[in-house]
Amino acid sequence: MIRKLKSGQYRLYSVKKDPKTHKRRNLGTFDSLSAAKKHEQEVQYFKRH
């Protein structure tokens, strides 16, 4: 899940919430939407291989 921050950057969050904190895990902050999407694809690939 990618969200745009007030600073103009994009942050990648996990889809599931952490059971302890009830918040989504921060998976990285990126300057461009394309960089965030690229990293999201890498994360999905890593989860399945």
PDB file of N, CA and C in Angstrom:
ATOM      1  N   MET A   1       0.848  -1.164   0.000  1.00  0.00           N
ATOM      2  CA  MET A   1       0.000   0.000   0.000  1.00  0.00           C
ATOM      3  C   MET A   1       0.903   1.240   0.000  1.00  0.00           C
ATOM      4  N   ILE A   2       0.709   2.101  -0.973  1.00  0.00           N
ATOM      5  CA  ILE A   2       1.534   3.297  -1.119  1.00  0.00           C
ATOM      6  C   ILE A   2       0.690   4.526  -0.767  1.00  0.00           C
ATOM      7  N   ARG A   3       1.235   5.369   0.088  1.00  0.00           N
ATOM      8  CA  ARG A   3       0.549   6.612   0.458  1.00  0.00           C
ATOM      9  C   ARG A   3       1.483   7.787   0.216  1.00  0.00           C
ATOM     10  N   LYS A   4       0.908   8.911  -0.183  1.00  0.00           N
ATOM     11  CA  LYS A   4       1.690  10.128  -0.386  1.00  0.00           C
ATOM     12  C   LYS A   4       1.729  10.901   0.925  1.00  0.00           C
ATOM     13  N   LEU A   5       2.923  11.334   1.305  1.00  0.00           N
ATOM     14  CA  LEU A   5       3.110  12.086   2.537  1.00  0.00           C
ATOM     15  C   LEU A   5       2.977  13.579   2.269  1.00  0.00           C
ATOM     16  N   LYS A   6       2.824  14.352   3.323  1.00  0.00           N
ATOM     17  CA  LYS A   6       2.710  15.808   3.184  1.00  0.00           C
ATOM     18  C   LYS A   6       3.967  16.410   2.577  1.00  0.00           C
ATOM     19  N   SER A   7       5.103  15.748   2.793  1.00  0.00           N
ATOM     20  CA  SER A   7       6.376  16.245   2.273  1.00  0.00           C
ATOM     21  C   SER A   7       6.506  16.042   0.769  1.00  0.00           C
ATOM     22  N   GLY A   8       5.575  15.287   0.179  1.00  0.00           N
ATOM     23  CA  GLY A   8       5.637  15.019  -1.248  1.00  0.00           C
ATOM     24  C   GLY A   8       6.266  13.681  -1.576  1.00  0.00           C
ATOM     25  N   GLN A   9       6.797  13.018  -0.559  1.00  0.00           N
ATOM     26  CA  GLN A   9       7.379  11.698  -0.773  1.00  0.00           C
ATOM     27  C   GLN A   9       6.294  10.637  -0.691  1.00  0.00           C
ATOM     28  N   TYR A  10       6.660   9.416  -1.093  1.00  0.00           N
ATOM     29  CA  TYR A  10       5.728   8.296  -1.060  1.00  0.00           C
ATOM     30  C   TYR A  10       6.259   7.238  -0.105  1.00  0.00           C
ATOM     31  N   ARG A  11       5.364   6.658   0.687  1.00  0.00           N
ATOM     32  CA  ARG A  11       5.767   5.648   1.655  1.00  0.00           C
ATOM     33  C   ARG A  11       5.018   4.354   1.371  1.00  0.00           C
ATOM     34  N   LEU A  12       5.770   3.255   1.434  1.00  0.00           N
ATOM     35  CA  LEU A  12       5.210   1.928   1.215  1.00  0.00           C
ATOM     36  C   LEU A  12       4.898   1.310   2.571  1.00  0.00           C
ATOM     37  N   TYR A  13       3.652   0.915   2.759  1.00  0.00           N
ATOM     38  CA  TYR A  13       3.209   0.283   4.000  1.00  0.00           C
ATOM     39  C   TYR A  13       2.803  -1.151   3.720  1.00  0.00           C
ATOM     40  N   SER A  14       2.906  -2.009   4.747  1.00  0.00           N
ATOM     41  CA  SER A  14       2.430  -3.382   4.613  1.00  0.00           C
ATOM     42  C   SER A  14       0.898  -3.363   4.560  1.00  0.00           C
ATOM     43  N   VAL A  15       0.324  -4.383   3.934  1.00  0.00           N
ATOM     44  CA  VAL A  15      -1.131  -4.467   3.819  1.00  0.00           C
ATOM     45  C   VAL A  15      -1.742  -4.866   5.154  1.00  0.00           C
ATOM     46  N   LYS A  16      -1.110  -5.833   5.832  1.00  0.00           N
ATOM     47  CA  LYS A  16      -1.619  -6.289   7.126  1.00  0.00           C
ATOM     48  C   LYS A  16      -1.098  -5.391   8.239  1.00  0.00           C
ATOM     49  N   LYS A  17      -1.902  -5.242   9.286  1.00  0.00           N
ATOM     50  CA  LYS A  17      -1.497  -4.449  10.440  1.00  0.00           C
ATOM     51  C   LYS A  17      -0.725  -5.331  11.415  1.00  0.00           C
ATOM     52  N   ASP A  18       0.228  -4.723  12.120  1.00  0.00           N
ATOM     53  CA  ASP A  18       1.002  -5.428  13.133  1.00  0.00           C
ATOM     54  C   ASP A  18       0.082  -5.740  14.315  1.00  0.00           C
ATOM     55  N   PRO A  19       0.011  -7.011  14.749  1.00  0.00           N
ATOM     56  CA  PRO A  19      -0.916  -7.353  15.835  1.00  0.00           C
ATOM     57  C   PRO A  19      -0.610  -6.652  17.160  1.00  0.00           C
ATOM     58  N   LYS A  20       0.654  -6.302  17.386  1.00  0.00           N
ATOM     59  CA  LYS A  20       1.007  -5.654  18.655  1.00  0.00           C
ATOM     60  C   LYS A  20       0.661  -4.176  18.663  1.00  0.00           C
ATOM     61  N   THR A  21       1.050  -3.458  17.610  1.00  0.00           N
ATOM     62  CA  THR A  21       0.858  -2.006  17.594  1.00  0.00           C
ATOM     63  C   THR A  21      -0.417  -1.584  16.878  1.00  0.00           C
ATOM     64  N   HIS A  22      -1.018  -2.497  16.118  1.00  0.00           N
ATOM     65  CA  HIS A  22      -2.233  -2.217  15.329  1.00  0.00           C
ATOM     66  C   HIS A  22      -1.986  -1.150  14.272  1.00  0.00           C
ATOM     67  N   LYS A  23      -0.730  -1.023  13.830  1.00  0.00           N
ATOM     68  CA  LYS A  23      -0.377  -0.076  12.773  1.00  0.00           C
ATOM     69  C   LYS A  23       0.264  -0.842  11.632  1.00  0.00           C
ATOM     70  N   ARG A  24       0.335  -0.201  10.476  1.00  0.00           N
ATOM     71  CA  ARG A  24       0.962  -0.828   9.316  1.00  0.00           C
ATOM     72  C   ARG A  24       2.473  -0.609   9.365  1.00  0.00           C
ATOM     73  N   ARG A  25       3.218  -1.627   8.926  1.00  0.00           N
ATOM     74  CA  ARG A  25       4.678  -1.547   8.941  1.00  0.00           C
ATOM     75  C   ARG A  25       5.177  -0.657   7.810  1.00  0.00           C
ATOM     76  N   ASN A  26       6.143   0.214   8.116  1.00  0.00           N
ATOM     77  CA  ASN A  26       6.756   1.085   7.120  1.00  0.00           C
ATOM     78  C   ASN A  26       7.789   0.264   6.347  1.00  0.00           C
ATOM     79  N   LEU A  27       7.585   0.126   5.030  1.00  0.00           N
ATOM     80  CA  LEU A  27       8.506  -0.656   4.202  1.00  0.00           C
ATOM     81  C   LEU A  27       9.407   0.227   3.355  1.00  0.00           C
ATOM     82  N   GLY A  28       9.455   1.508   3.649  1.00  0.00           N
ATOM     83  CA  GLY A  28      10.372   2.389   2.937  1.00  0.00           C
ATOM     84  C   GLY A  28       9.716   3.661   2.467  1.00  0.00           C
ATOM     85  N   THR A  29      10.519   4.721   2.350  1.00  0.00           N
ATOM     86  CA  THR A  29      10.060   6.024   1.877  1.00  0.00           C
ATOM     87  C   THR A  29      10.832   6.367   0.614  1.00  0.00           C
ATOM     88  N   PHE A  30      10.117   6.842  -0.405  1.00  0.00           N
ATOM     89  CA  PHE A  30      10.717   7.079  -1.712  1.00  0.00           C
ATOM     90  C   PHE A  30      10.321   8.451  -2.236  1.00  0.00           C
ATOM     91  N   ASP A  31      11.193   9.024  -3.078  1.00  0.00           N
ATOM     92  CA  ASP A  31      10.940  10.351  -3.624  1.00  0.00           C
ATOM     93  C   ASP A  31       9.920  10.336  -4.751  1.00  0.00           C
ATOM     94  N   SER A  32       9.820   9.215  -5.491  1.00  0.00           N
ATOM     95  CA  SER A  32       8.895   9.159  -6.618  1.00  0.00           C
ATOM     96  C   SER A  32       7.953   7.972  -6.475  1.00  0.00           C
ATOM     97  N   LEU A  33       6.788   8.100  -7.087  1.00  0.00           N
ATOM     98  CA  LEU A  33       5.799   7.027  -7.060  1.00  0.00           C
ATOM     99  C   LEU A  33       6.322   5.800  -7.801  1.00  0.00           C
ATOM    100  N   SER A  34       7.049   6.013  -8.893  1.00  0.00           N
ATOM    101  CA  SER A  34       7.570   4.879  -9.660  1.00  0.00           C
ATOM    102  C   SER A  34       8.587   4.081  -8.843  1.00  0.00           C
ATOM    103  N   ALA A  35       9.397   4.766  -8.039  1.00  0.00           N
ATOM    104  CA  ALA A  35      10.367   4.067  -7.190  1.00  0.00           C
ATOM    105  C   ALA A  35       9.651   3.246  -6.125  1.00  0.00           C
ATOM    106  N   ALA A  36       8.567   3.787  -5.578  1.00  0.00           N
ATOM    107  CA  ALA A  36       7.798   3.061  -4.562  1.00  0.00           C
ATOM    108  C   ALA A  36       7.130   1.835  -5.174  1.00  0.00           C
ATOM    109  N   LYS A  37       6.581   1.976  -6.383  1.00  0.00           N
ATOM    110  CA  LYS A  37       5.951   0.835  -7.056  1.00  0.00           C
ATOM    111  C   LYS A  37       6.970  -0.242  -7.380  1.00  0.00           C
ATOM    112  N   LYS A  38       8.166   0.174  -7.785  1.00  0.00           N
ATOM    113  CA  LYS A  38       9.225  -0.779  -8.109  1.00  0.00           C
ATOM    114  C   LYS A  38       9.608  -1.578  -6.870  1.00  0.00           C
ATOM    115  N   HIS A  39       9.743  -0.895  -5.741  1.00  0.00           N
ATOM    116  CA  HIS A  39      10.111  -1.585  -4.512  1.00  0.00           C
ATOM    117  C   HIS A  39       8.986  -2.508  -4.054  1.00  0.00           C
ATOM    118  N   GLU A  40       7.738  -2.099  -4.269  1.00  0.00           N
ATOM    119  CA  GLU A  40       6.605  -2.945  -3.893  1.00  0.00           C
ATOM    120  C   GLU A  40       6.636  -4.246  -4.687  1.00  0.00           C
ATOM    121  N   GLN A  41       6.980  -4.171  -5.976  1.00  0.00           N
ATOM    122  CA  GLN A  41       7.105  -5.385  -6.785  1.00  0.00           C
ATOM    123  C   GLN A  41       8.220  -6.277  -6.267  1.00  0.00           C
ATOM    124  N   GLU A  42       9.337  -5.675  -5.858  1.00  0.00           N
ATOM    125  CA  GLU A  42      10.449  -6.448  -5.311  1.00  0.00           C
ATOM    126  C   GLU A  42      10.042  -7.149  -4.020  1.00  0.00           C
ATOM    127  N   VAL A  43       9.265  -6.474  -3.176  1.00  0.00           N
ATOM    128  CA  VAL A  43       8.798  -7.062  -1.926  1.00  0.00           C
ATOM    129  C   VAL A  43       7.882  -8.243  -2.217  1.00  0.00           C
ATOM    130  N   GLN A  44       6.954  -8.087  -3.172  1.00  0.00           N
ATOM    131  CA  GLN A  44       6.035  -9.166  -3.525  1.00  0.00           C
ATOM    132  C   GLN A  44       6.795 -10.359  -4.084  1.00  0.00           C
ATOM    133  N   TYR A  45       7.816 -10.109  -4.894  1.00  0.00           N
ATOM    134  CA  TYR A  45       8.628 -11.197  -5.456  1.00  0.00           C
ATOM    135  C   TYR A  45       9.343 -11.940  -4.331  1.00  0.00           C
ATOM    136  N   PHE A  46       9.910 -11.187  -3.388  1.00  0.00           N
ATOM    137  CA  PHE A  46      10.658 -11.794  -2.286  1.00  0.00           C
ATOM    138  C   PHE A  46       9.752 -12.658  -1.423  1.00  0.00           C
ATOM    139  N   LYS A  47       8.497 -12.231  -1.226  1.00  0.00           N
ATOM    140  CA  LYS A  47       7.559 -12.987  -0.389  1.00  0.00           C
ATOM    141  C   LYS A  47       7.220 -14.347  -0.995  1.00  0.00           C
ATOM    142  N   ARG A  48       7.319 -14.464  -2.322  1.00  0.00           N
ATOM    143  CA  ARG A  48       6.885 -15.690  -2.986  1.00  0.00           C
ATOM    144  C   ARG A  48       8.029 -16.552  -3.493  1.00  0.00           C
ATOM    145  N   HIS A  49       9.284 -16.137  -3.265  1.00  0.00           N
ATOM    146  CA  HIS A  49      10.428 -16.935  -3.739  1.00  0.00           C
ATOM    147  C   HIS A  49      11.434 -17.184  -2.635  1.00  0.00           C
TER     148      HIS A  49
END
